[in-house]
Amino acid sequence: MKIGGILALGASMCALGAMMPDNFGGSPNPQDAEKAALSSQMQTSQPGASDYLSGEMVLQRQSDGHFYATPSINGVQVNSLVDTGASVIALTADDADAIGITWHPSELSVIGRGASGDVVGVAVHLDRVELGGFDVRDVDAVVIPEGLHITLLGQSFLSRIPNVAIADERMSLSDY
């Protein structure tokens, strides 16, 4: 399998995991409940504290167990779930459109397989992803036009940060 296929497969598997409700059977429509919870999380939480002098950014774990951030992707702020298990950044179709990523439906292909079946997407490159004091250029990503409700900030960005650590309900991204 080509490396691009492996990256895309990893992103799609994580995307499927992110779409699963935290409470199986607790809501008659898990997608609506997830969207409402996500909207609430993004509106009430700080995206992260950054100390430019020390080269560290700290994200707090939210009540749903996830970490969220608002990186600038190609100059546009994008609400994201930080997903250490995603191989690449996985963009929603709306976020891809907002940052100027163009693609055509004829480019869609199966990039992975999940519990619900095939995951379809398009591999793309991002010019620049910025978060806190971190600025990463030429970043691999995929656009997943259906089924992904929030962009996933995956390893194609995180692996280029010198240190990413999770402890005591906090995720720290640092230069050291």
N, C-alpha and C. Protein backbone atom coordinates (compact mmCIF):
# COMPACT_ATOMS: atom_id res chain seq x y z
N MET A 1 0.85 -1.17 0.00
CA MET A 1 0.00 0.00 0.00
C MET A 1 0.90 1.23 0.00
N LYS A 2 0.59 2.22 -0.81
CA LYS A 2 1.36 3.45 -0.88
C LYS A 2 1.20 4.24 0.41
N ILE A 3 2.23 5.06 0.73
CA ILE A 3 2.19 5.86 1.96
C ILE A 3 0.97 6.77 1.98
N GLY A 4 0.61 7.36 0.83
CA GLY A 4 -0.57 8.22 0.77
C GLY A 4 -1.83 7.47 1.15
N GLY A 5 -1.91 6.22 0.71
CA GLY A 5 -3.06 5.39 1.05
C GLY A 5 -3.13 5.09 2.54
N ILE A 6 -1.96 4.85 3.12
CA ILE A 6 -1.91 4.58 4.55
C ILE A 6 -2.33 5.81 5.34
N LEU A 7 -1.83 6.99 4.95
CA LEU A 7 -2.20 8.22 5.64
C LEU A 7 -3.69 8.46 5.53
N ALA A 8 -4.21 8.30 4.34
CA ALA A 8 -5.64 8.54 4.13
C ALA A 8 -6.48 7.54 4.90
N LEU A 9 -6.04 6.28 4.92
CA LEU A 9 -6.77 5.26 5.65
C LEU A 9 -6.81 5.60 7.14
N GLY A 10 -5.68 6.03 7.69
CA GLY A 10 -5.62 6.40 9.10
C GLY A 10 -6.57 7.55 9.41
N ALA A 11 -6.59 8.54 8.54
CA ALA A 11 -7.47 9.70 8.75
C ALA A 11 -8.93 9.28 8.70
N SER A 12 -9.25 8.41 7.77
CA SER A 12 -10.66 8.02 7.65
C SER A 12 -11.11 7.19 8.84
N MET A 13 -10.23 6.34 9.35
CA MET A 13 -10.60 5.53 10.51
C MET A 13 -10.82 6.44 11.73
N CYS A 14 -9.95 7.44 11.89
CA CYS A 14 -10.12 8.37 13.01
C CYS A 14 -11.35 9.23 12.81
N ALA A 15 -11.61 9.60 11.57
CA ALA A 15 -12.80 10.40 11.29
C ALA A 15 -14.05 9.62 11.69
N LEU A 16 -14.06 8.34 11.40
CA LEU A 16 -15.21 7.53 11.78
C LEU A 16 -15.33 7.44 13.29
N GLY A 17 -14.20 7.31 13.98
CA GLY A 17 -14.23 7.26 15.43
C GLY A 17 -14.75 8.56 16.03
N ALA A 18 -14.36 9.68 15.43
CA ALA A 18 -14.80 10.98 15.94
C ALA A 18 -16.29 11.18 15.73
N MET A 19 -16.86 10.50 14.75
CA MET A 19 -18.28 10.67 14.47
C MET A 19 -19.15 9.79 15.36
N MET A 20 -18.57 8.85 16.08
CA MET A 20 -19.35 7.96 16.93
C MET A 20 -19.83 8.73 18.15
N PRO A 21 -21.05 8.54 18.55
CA PRO A 21 -21.55 9.23 19.75
C PRO A 21 -20.87 8.68 20.99
N ASP A 22 -20.70 9.54 22.01
CA ASP A 22 -20.09 9.11 23.26
C ASP A 22 -21.04 8.23 24.06
N ASN A 23 -22.35 8.37 23.83
CA ASN A 23 -23.34 7.65 24.60
C ASN A 23 -24.19 6.84 23.62
N PHE A 24 -23.82 5.60 23.38
CA PHE A 24 -24.55 4.77 22.45
C PHE A 24 -25.96 4.54 22.96
N GLY A 25 -26.95 4.95 22.20
CA GLY A 25 -28.34 4.76 22.58
C GLY A 25 -28.90 5.84 23.46
N GLY A 26 -28.09 6.83 23.87
CA GLY A 26 -28.57 7.87 24.76
C GLY A 26 -29.37 8.94 24.03
N SER A 27 -29.22 9.05 22.72
CA SER A 27 -29.90 10.08 21.95
C SER A 27 -30.55 9.43 20.74
N PRO A 28 -31.77 9.78 20.41
CA PRO A 28 -32.41 9.16 19.27
C PRO A 28 -31.70 9.52 17.95
N ASN A 29 -31.03 10.65 17.87
CA ASN A 29 -30.29 11.02 16.66
C ASN A 29 -28.89 11.45 17.08
N PRO A 30 -27.92 10.50 17.10
CA PRO A 30 -26.58 10.79 17.60
C PRO A 30 -25.90 11.93 16.85
N GLN A 31 -26.12 12.08 15.56
CA GLN A 31 -25.45 13.15 14.82
C GLN A 31 -25.93 14.52 15.27
N ASP A 32 -27.23 14.67 15.51
CA ASP A 32 -27.75 15.95 15.99
C ASP A 32 -27.24 16.24 17.39
N ALA A 33 -27.20 15.24 18.24
CA ALA A 33 -26.70 15.42 19.59
C ALA A 33 -25.23 15.80 19.57
N GLU A 34 -24.46 15.15 18.69
CA GLU A 34 -23.02 15.45 18.59
C GLU A 34 -22.81 16.87 18.11
N LYS A 35 -23.57 17.30 17.11
CA LYS A 35 -23.43 18.66 16.59
C LYS A 35 -23.75 19.68 17.67
N ALA A 36 -24.80 19.44 18.45
CA ALA A 36 -25.18 20.37 19.50
C ALA A 36 -24.11 20.43 20.58
N ALA A 37 -23.58 19.28 20.97
CA ALA A 37 -22.54 19.24 21.99
C ALA A 37 -21.27 19.92 21.49
N LEU A 38 -20.92 19.67 20.25
CA LEU A 38 -19.73 20.27 19.67
C LEU A 38 -19.87 21.78 19.60
N SER A 39 -21.02 22.25 19.17
CA SER A 39 -21.26 23.68 19.09
C SER A 39 -21.13 24.32 20.46
N SER A 40 -21.67 23.67 21.46
CA SER A 40 -21.59 24.18 22.82
C SER A 40 -20.15 24.20 23.29
N GLN A 41 -19.39 23.15 23.01
CA GLN A 41 -17.98 23.09 23.41
C GLN A 41 -17.18 24.21 22.79
N MET A 42 -17.37 24.44 21.50
CA MET A 42 -16.59 25.43 20.78
C MET A 42 -16.95 26.84 21.25
N GLN A 43 -18.19 27.07 21.66
CA GLN A 43 -18.61 28.40 22.08
C GLN A 43 -18.19 28.71 23.51
N THR A 44 -18.08 27.70 24.38
CA THR A 44 -17.83 27.97 25.78
C THR A 44 -16.40 27.73 26.20
N SER A 45 -15.56 27.16 25.35
CA SER A 45 -14.21 26.85 25.77
C SER A 45 -13.19 27.75 25.10
N GLN A 46 -12.10 27.97 25.81
CA GLN A 46 -10.98 28.69 25.24
C GLN A 46 -10.26 27.72 24.31
N PRO A 47 -9.80 28.17 23.13
CA PRO A 47 -9.12 27.27 22.22
C PRO A 47 -7.77 26.82 22.73
N GLY A 48 -7.18 27.51 23.66
CA GLY A 48 -5.89 27.11 24.19
C GLY A 48 -5.12 28.33 24.65
N ALA A 49 -4.25 28.11 25.61
CA ALA A 49 -3.41 29.19 26.08
C ALA A 49 -2.03 29.01 25.46
N SER A 50 -1.50 30.08 24.92
CA SER A 50 -0.22 29.99 24.25
C SER A 50 0.75 30.96 24.90
N ASP A 51 1.95 30.49 25.17
CA ASP A 51 3.00 31.34 25.70
C ASP A 51 4.10 31.38 24.65
N TYR A 52 4.10 32.46 23.87
CA TYR A 52 5.04 32.57 22.77
C TYR A 52 6.49 32.60 23.25
N LEU A 53 6.74 33.15 24.43
CA LEU A 53 8.11 33.22 24.93
C LEU A 53 8.66 31.85 25.31
N SER A 54 7.81 31.01 25.88
CA SER A 54 8.28 29.69 26.29
C SER A 54 8.12 28.66 25.18
N GLY A 55 7.40 28.99 24.11
CA GLY A 55 7.20 28.04 23.02
C GLY A 55 6.25 26.91 23.38
N GLU A 56 5.23 27.21 24.18
CA GLU A 56 4.28 26.18 24.61
C GLU A 56 2.84 26.64 24.42
N MET A 57 2.00 25.70 24.03
CA MET A 57 0.56 25.92 23.94
C MET A 57 -0.11 24.80 24.72
N VAL A 58 -1.09 25.16 25.56
CA VAL A 58 -1.78 24.17 26.38
C VAL A 58 -3.26 24.19 26.06
N LEU A 59 -3.81 23.00 25.80
CA LEU A 59 -5.24 22.82 25.55
C LEU A 59 -5.83 22.04 26.71
N GLN A 60 -7.01 22.44 27.17
CA GLN A 60 -7.71 21.73 28.25
C GLN A 60 -8.64 20.68 27.65
N ARG A 61 -8.67 19.50 28.28
CA ARG A 61 -9.63 18.47 27.86
C ARG A 61 -11.03 18.99 28.17
N GLN A 62 -11.93 18.84 27.23
CA GLN A 62 -13.31 19.30 27.40
C GLN A 62 -14.16 18.19 28.02
N SER A 63 -15.37 18.53 28.40
CA SER A 63 -16.24 17.59 29.11
C SER A 63 -16.57 16.34 28.29
N ASP A 64 -16.46 16.43 26.97
CA ASP A 64 -16.71 15.25 26.14
C ASP A 64 -15.48 14.36 26.00
N GLY A 65 -14.38 14.74 26.67
CA GLY A 65 -13.16 13.94 26.65
C GLY A 65 -12.18 14.31 25.55
N HIS A 66 -12.53 15.25 24.69
CA HIS A 66 -11.69 15.62 23.56
C HIS A 66 -10.98 16.95 23.80
N PHE A 67 -9.96 17.19 22.96
CA PHE A 67 -9.26 18.46 22.94
C PHE A 67 -9.64 19.18 21.65
N TYR A 68 -9.89 20.48 21.76
CA TYR A 68 -10.25 21.28 20.59
C TYR A 68 -9.27 22.43 20.43
N ALA A 69 -9.09 22.86 19.20
CA ALA A 69 -8.22 24.00 18.90
C ALA A 69 -8.78 24.72 17.69
N THR A 70 -8.30 25.93 17.49
CA THR A 70 -8.73 26.72 16.33
C THR A 70 -7.48 27.18 15.57
N PRO A 71 -6.90 26.27 14.78
CA PRO A 71 -5.73 26.67 14.01
C PRO A 71 -6.13 27.55 12.83
N SER A 72 -5.16 28.25 12.31
CA SER A 72 -5.34 28.99 11.07
C SER A 72 -4.82 28.08 9.96
N ILE A 73 -5.69 27.72 9.05
CA ILE A 73 -5.31 26.87 7.92
C ILE A 73 -5.41 27.70 6.66
N ASN A 74 -4.28 27.87 6.00
CA ASN A 74 -4.20 28.74 4.81
C ASN A 74 -4.80 30.11 5.11
N GLY A 75 -4.59 30.59 6.34
CA GLY A 75 -5.02 31.93 6.72
C GLY A 75 -6.44 32.04 7.25
N VAL A 76 -7.15 30.94 7.38
CA VAL A 76 -8.55 30.95 7.84
C VAL A 76 -8.65 30.15 9.15
N GLN A 77 -9.31 30.73 10.15
CA GLN A 77 -9.52 30.05 11.43
C GLN A 77 -10.50 28.89 11.23
N VAL A 78 -10.13 27.71 11.73
CA VAL A 78 -10.94 26.50 11.55
C VAL A 78 -11.10 25.80 12.90
N ASN A 79 -12.33 25.65 13.37
CA ASN A 79 -12.59 24.88 14.59
C ASN A 79 -12.25 23.43 14.32
N SER A 80 -11.44 22.84 15.20
CA SER A 80 -10.93 21.49 14.97
C SER A 80 -10.93 20.66 16.25
N LEU A 81 -11.08 19.37 16.07
CA LEU A 81 -10.88 18.41 17.13
C LEU A 81 -9.43 17.92 16.97
N VAL A 82 -8.64 18.00 18.02
CA VAL A 82 -7.25 17.54 17.95
C VAL A 82 -7.28 16.02 18.09
N ASP A 83 -6.85 15.34 17.03
CA ASP A 83 -6.96 13.88 16.98
C ASP A 83 -5.58 13.27 16.78
N THR A 84 -4.95 12.85 17.88
CA THR A 84 -3.61 12.28 17.80
C THR A 84 -3.59 10.95 17.05
N GLY A 85 -4.74 10.34 16.87
CA GLY A 85 -4.81 9.07 16.15
C GLY A 85 -5.06 9.22 14.66
N ALA A 86 -5.34 10.44 14.20
CA ALA A 86 -5.55 10.67 12.78
C ALA A 86 -4.20 10.88 12.09
N SER A 87 -3.95 10.18 11.01
CA SER A 87 -2.67 10.30 10.31
C SER A 87 -2.48 11.66 9.67
N VAL A 88 -3.56 12.24 9.20
CA VAL A 88 -3.49 13.54 8.51
C VAL A 88 -4.62 14.44 9.00
N ILE A 89 -4.57 15.69 8.61
CA ILE A 89 -5.68 16.59 8.85
C ILE A 89 -6.83 16.15 7.95
N ALA A 90 -8.01 16.00 8.51
CA ALA A 90 -9.20 15.63 7.75
C ALA A 90 -10.16 16.81 7.79
N LEU A 91 -10.39 17.42 6.64
CA LEU A 91 -11.23 18.61 6.54
C LEU A 91 -12.66 18.27 6.19
N THR A 92 -13.59 18.98 6.81
CA THR A 92 -14.98 18.89 6.34
C THR A 92 -15.06 19.60 5.00
N ALA A 93 -16.08 19.34 4.24
CA ALA A 93 -16.26 20.02 2.95
C ALA A 93 -16.43 21.52 3.15
N ASP A 94 -17.18 21.93 4.17
CA ASP A 94 -17.39 23.35 4.44
C ASP A 94 -16.08 24.05 4.78
N ASP A 95 -15.25 23.42 5.62
CA ASP A 95 -13.97 24.02 5.97
C ASP A 95 -13.03 24.07 4.76
N ALA A 96 -13.03 23.03 3.95
CA ALA A 96 -12.20 23.03 2.74
C ALA A 96 -12.61 24.19 1.83
N ASP A 97 -13.90 24.38 1.66
CA ASP A 97 -14.39 25.50 0.84
C ASP A 97 -13.97 26.83 1.44
N ALA A 98 -14.10 26.97 2.75
CA ALA A 98 -13.78 28.24 3.42
C ALA A 98 -12.30 28.61 3.27
N ILE A 99 -11.42 27.62 3.23
CA ILE A 99 -9.99 27.93 3.12
C ILE A 99 -9.50 27.93 1.67
N GLY A 100 -10.42 27.73 0.74
CA GLY A 100 -10.06 27.84 -0.67
C GLY A 100 -9.53 26.57 -1.31
N ILE A 101 -9.79 25.43 -0.70
CA ILE A 101 -9.38 24.15 -1.30
C ILE A 101 -10.44 23.78 -2.33
N THR A 102 -10.01 23.64 -3.56
CA THR A 102 -10.95 23.26 -4.61
C THR A 102 -10.74 21.80 -4.97
N TRP A 103 -11.83 21.14 -5.19
CA TRP A 103 -11.81 19.74 -5.60
C TRP A 103 -13.11 19.48 -6.35
N HIS A 104 -13.09 18.43 -7.11
CA HIS A 104 -14.26 18.08 -7.91
C HIS A 104 -14.75 16.70 -7.48
N PRO A 105 -16.05 16.48 -7.48
CA PRO A 105 -16.58 15.17 -7.09
C PRO A 105 -15.96 14.00 -7.87
N SER A 106 -15.50 14.26 -9.09
CA SER A 106 -14.87 13.18 -9.86
C SER A 106 -13.54 12.74 -9.25
N GLU A 107 -12.97 13.54 -8.34
CA GLU A 107 -11.71 13.20 -7.67
C GLU A 107 -11.91 12.31 -6.45
N LEU A 108 -13.15 12.17 -6.01
CA LEU A 108 -13.43 11.35 -4.82
C LEU A 108 -13.05 9.90 -5.07
N SER A 109 -12.45 9.31 -4.04
CA SER A 109 -12.14 7.88 -4.10
C SER A 109 -12.24 7.31 -2.70
N VAL A 110 -12.28 6.02 -2.61
CA VAL A 110 -12.34 5.35 -1.32
C VAL A 110 -10.97 5.52 -0.67
N ILE A 111 -10.96 6.13 0.53
CA ILE A 111 -9.70 6.33 1.24
C ILE A 111 -9.61 5.46 2.48
N GLY A 112 -10.67 4.72 2.77
CA GLY A 112 -10.67 3.83 3.91
C GLY A 112 -12.00 3.12 4.03
N ARG A 113 -12.06 2.21 5.00
CA ARG A 113 -13.30 1.48 5.24
C ARG A 113 -13.56 1.51 6.74
N GLY A 114 -14.77 1.83 7.09
CA GLY A 114 -15.15 1.88 8.50
C GLY A 114 -16.34 1.00 8.77
N ALA A 115 -16.85 1.08 9.98
CA ALA A 115 -17.98 0.26 10.39
C ALA A 115 -19.20 0.51 9.52
N SER A 116 -19.34 1.72 9.01
CA SER A 116 -20.49 2.06 8.18
C SER A 116 -20.25 1.84 6.69
N GLY A 117 -19.08 1.37 6.35
CA GLY A 117 -18.76 1.13 4.94
C GLY A 117 -17.59 1.98 4.48
N ASP A 118 -17.53 2.19 3.17
CA ASP A 118 -16.42 2.93 2.58
C ASP A 118 -16.43 4.39 3.01
N VAL A 119 -15.24 4.94 3.22
CA VAL A 119 -15.06 6.37 3.50
C VAL A 119 -14.47 6.97 2.24
N VAL A 120 -15.13 8.00 1.74
CA VAL A 120 -14.75 8.62 0.47
C VAL A 120 -14.16 9.99 0.73
N GLY A 121 -13.06 10.32 0.03
CA GLY A 121 -12.44 11.62 0.21
C GLY A 121 -11.49 11.95 -0.91
N VAL A 122 -10.82 13.10 -0.75
CA VAL A 122 -9.85 13.59 -1.73
C VAL A 122 -8.59 14.02 -0.97
N ALA A 123 -7.42 13.53 -1.40
CA ALA A 123 -6.15 13.95 -0.80
C ALA A 123 -5.81 15.34 -1.31
N VAL A 124 -5.36 16.23 -0.38
CA VAL A 124 -4.99 17.60 -0.73
C VAL A 124 -3.74 18.00 0.05
N HIS A 125 -3.18 19.14 -0.31
CA HIS A 125 -2.04 19.73 0.42
C HIS A 125 -2.45 21.10 0.95
N LEU A 126 -2.06 21.39 2.17
CA LEU A 126 -2.32 22.70 2.76
C LEU A 126 -1.01 23.48 2.76
N ASP A 127 -1.07 24.75 2.37
CA ASP A 127 0.13 25.57 2.33
C ASP A 127 0.68 25.84 3.73
N ARG A 128 -0.23 26.14 4.67
CA ARG A 128 0.23 26.59 5.98
C ARG A 128 -0.81 26.28 7.05
N VAL A 129 -0.34 25.74 8.18
CA VAL A 129 -1.19 25.51 9.35
C VAL A 129 -0.48 26.16 10.54
N GLU A 130 -1.19 27.07 11.22
CA GLU A 130 -0.63 27.77 12.36
C GLU A 130 -1.50 27.53 13.59
N LEU A 131 -0.84 27.28 14.70
CA LEU A 131 -1.54 27.12 15.98
C LEU A 131 -0.61 27.60 17.07
N GLY A 132 -1.07 28.57 17.85
CA GLY A 132 -0.20 29.15 18.87
C GLY A 132 1.02 29.73 18.17
N GLY A 133 2.19 29.41 18.64
CA GLY A 133 3.43 29.87 18.01
C GLY A 133 3.98 28.92 16.98
N PHE A 134 3.22 27.89 16.61
CA PHE A 134 3.71 26.88 15.68
C PHE A 134 3.19 27.17 14.28
N ASP A 135 4.10 27.12 13.32
CA ASP A 135 3.79 27.44 11.92
C ASP A 135 4.37 26.32 11.06
N VAL A 136 3.49 25.50 10.47
CA VAL A 136 3.92 24.34 9.69
C VAL A 136 3.50 24.55 8.25
N ARG A 137 4.42 24.31 7.33
CA ARG A 137 4.16 24.52 5.90
C ARG A 137 4.04 23.18 5.18
N ASP A 138 3.32 23.20 4.05
CA ASP A 138 3.19 22.03 3.16
C ASP A 138 2.72 20.80 3.94
N VAL A 139 1.45 20.80 4.32
CA VAL A 139 0.88 19.78 5.20
C VAL A 139 -0.11 18.91 4.42
N ASP A 140 0.02 17.59 4.54
CA ASP A 140 -0.92 16.66 3.91
C ASP A 140 -2.26 16.71 4.62
N ALA A 141 -3.33 16.55 3.85
CA ALA A 141 -4.68 16.53 4.41
C ALA A 141 -5.59 15.76 3.46
N VAL A 142 -6.80 15.50 3.92
CA VAL A 142 -7.85 14.92 3.07
C VAL A 142 -9.12 15.73 3.29
N VAL A 143 -9.93 15.81 2.27
CA VAL A 143 -11.27 16.39 2.38
C VAL A 143 -12.24 15.23 2.41
N ILE A 144 -13.05 15.18 3.45
CA ILE A 144 -14.08 14.15 3.58
C ILE A 144 -15.42 14.87 3.51
N PRO A 145 -16.05 14.87 2.33
CA PRO A 145 -17.23 15.71 2.12
C PRO A 145 -18.50 15.26 2.83
N GLU A 146 -18.59 14.02 3.25
CA GLU A 146 -19.81 13.56 3.92
C GLU A 146 -19.47 12.78 5.18
N GLY A 147 -20.21 13.06 6.25
CA GLY A 147 -20.09 12.28 7.47
C GLY A 147 -19.13 12.83 8.51
N LEU A 148 -18.29 13.78 8.15
CA LEU A 148 -17.36 14.38 9.09
C LEU A 148 -17.95 15.71 9.54
N HIS A 149 -18.15 15.88 10.85
CA HIS A 149 -18.86 17.07 11.35
C HIS A 149 -17.93 18.15 11.89
N ILE A 150 -16.65 17.84 12.04
CA ILE A 150 -15.66 18.82 12.47
C ILE A 150 -14.33 18.40 11.87
N THR A 151 -13.52 19.37 11.52
CA THR A 151 -12.19 19.08 10.99
C THR A 151 -11.34 18.44 12.07
N LEU A 152 -10.55 17.44 11.68
CA LEU A 152 -9.66 16.74 12.60
C LEU A 152 -8.24 17.24 12.39
N LEU A 153 -7.60 17.69 13.44
CA LEU A 153 -6.21 18.14 13.38
C LEU A 153 -5.33 16.95 13.73
N GLY A 154 -4.80 16.30 12.70
CA GLY A 154 -4.08 15.04 12.87
C GLY A 154 -2.57 15.14 12.81
N GLN A 155 -1.94 13.98 12.66
CA GLN A 155 -0.49 13.85 12.76
C GLN A 155 0.30 14.55 11.65
N SER A 156 -0.30 14.83 10.51
CA SER A 156 0.47 15.55 9.48
C SER A 156 0.85 16.93 9.99
N PHE A 157 0.14 17.46 10.98
CA PHE A 157 0.52 18.69 11.68
C PHE A 157 1.22 18.36 12.99
N LEU A 158 0.58 17.55 13.84
CA LEU A 158 1.09 17.31 15.20
C LEU A 158 2.49 16.70 15.22
N SER A 159 2.81 15.83 14.27
CA SER A 159 4.12 15.18 14.26
C SER A 159 5.25 16.16 13.97
N ARG A 160 4.91 17.34 13.49
CA ARG A 160 5.92 18.34 13.18
C ARG A 160 6.11 19.34 14.32
N ILE A 161 5.41 19.11 15.44
CA ILE A 161 5.62 19.87 16.67
C ILE A 161 6.62 19.06 17.49
N PRO A 162 7.69 19.69 18.00
CA PRO A 162 8.72 18.92 18.71
C PRO A 162 8.20 18.05 19.86
N ASN A 163 7.22 18.54 20.62
CA ASN A 163 6.73 17.75 21.75
C ASN A 163 5.23 17.94 21.91
N VAL A 164 4.50 16.84 21.90
CA VAL A 164 3.06 16.84 22.18
C VAL A 164 2.86 15.84 23.32
N ALA A 165 2.31 16.32 24.43
CA ALA A 165 2.13 15.46 25.59
C ALA A 165 0.75 15.69 26.21
N ILE A 166 0.19 14.61 26.76
CA ILE A 166 -1.11 14.70 27.43
C ILE A 166 -0.92 14.21 28.86
N ALA A 167 -1.29 15.07 29.82
CA ALA A 167 -1.23 14.72 31.24
C ALA A 167 -2.18 15.63 32.00
N ASP A 168 -2.80 15.09 33.03
CA ASP A 168 -3.65 15.89 33.92
C ASP A 168 -4.69 16.71 33.17
N GLU A 169 -5.39 16.09 32.23
CA GLU A 169 -6.48 16.74 31.50
C GLU A 169 -6.01 17.90 30.62
N ARG A 170 -4.72 17.90 30.29
CA ARG A 170 -4.15 18.97 29.46
C ARG A 170 -3.31 18.36 28.34
N MET A 171 -3.35 18.98 27.18
CA MET A 171 -2.47 18.62 26.09
C MET A 171 -1.51 19.79 25.90
N SER A 172 -0.24 19.48 25.94
CA SER A 172 0.78 20.51 25.79
C SER A 172 1.50 20.30 24.47
N LEU A 173 1.61 21.38 23.69
CA LEU A 173 2.40 21.40 22.46
C LEU A 173 3.55 22.34 22.75
N SER A 174 4.78 21.86 22.61
CA SER A 174 5.91 22.72 22.98
C SER A 174 7.12 22.50 22.08
N ASP A 175 8.04 23.47 22.17
CA ASP A 175 9.31 23.40 21.46
C ASP A 175 10.33 22.54 22.17
N TYR A 176 10.05 22.14 23.38
CA TYR A 176 11.03 21.42 24.19
C TYR A 176 10.51 20.09 24.67
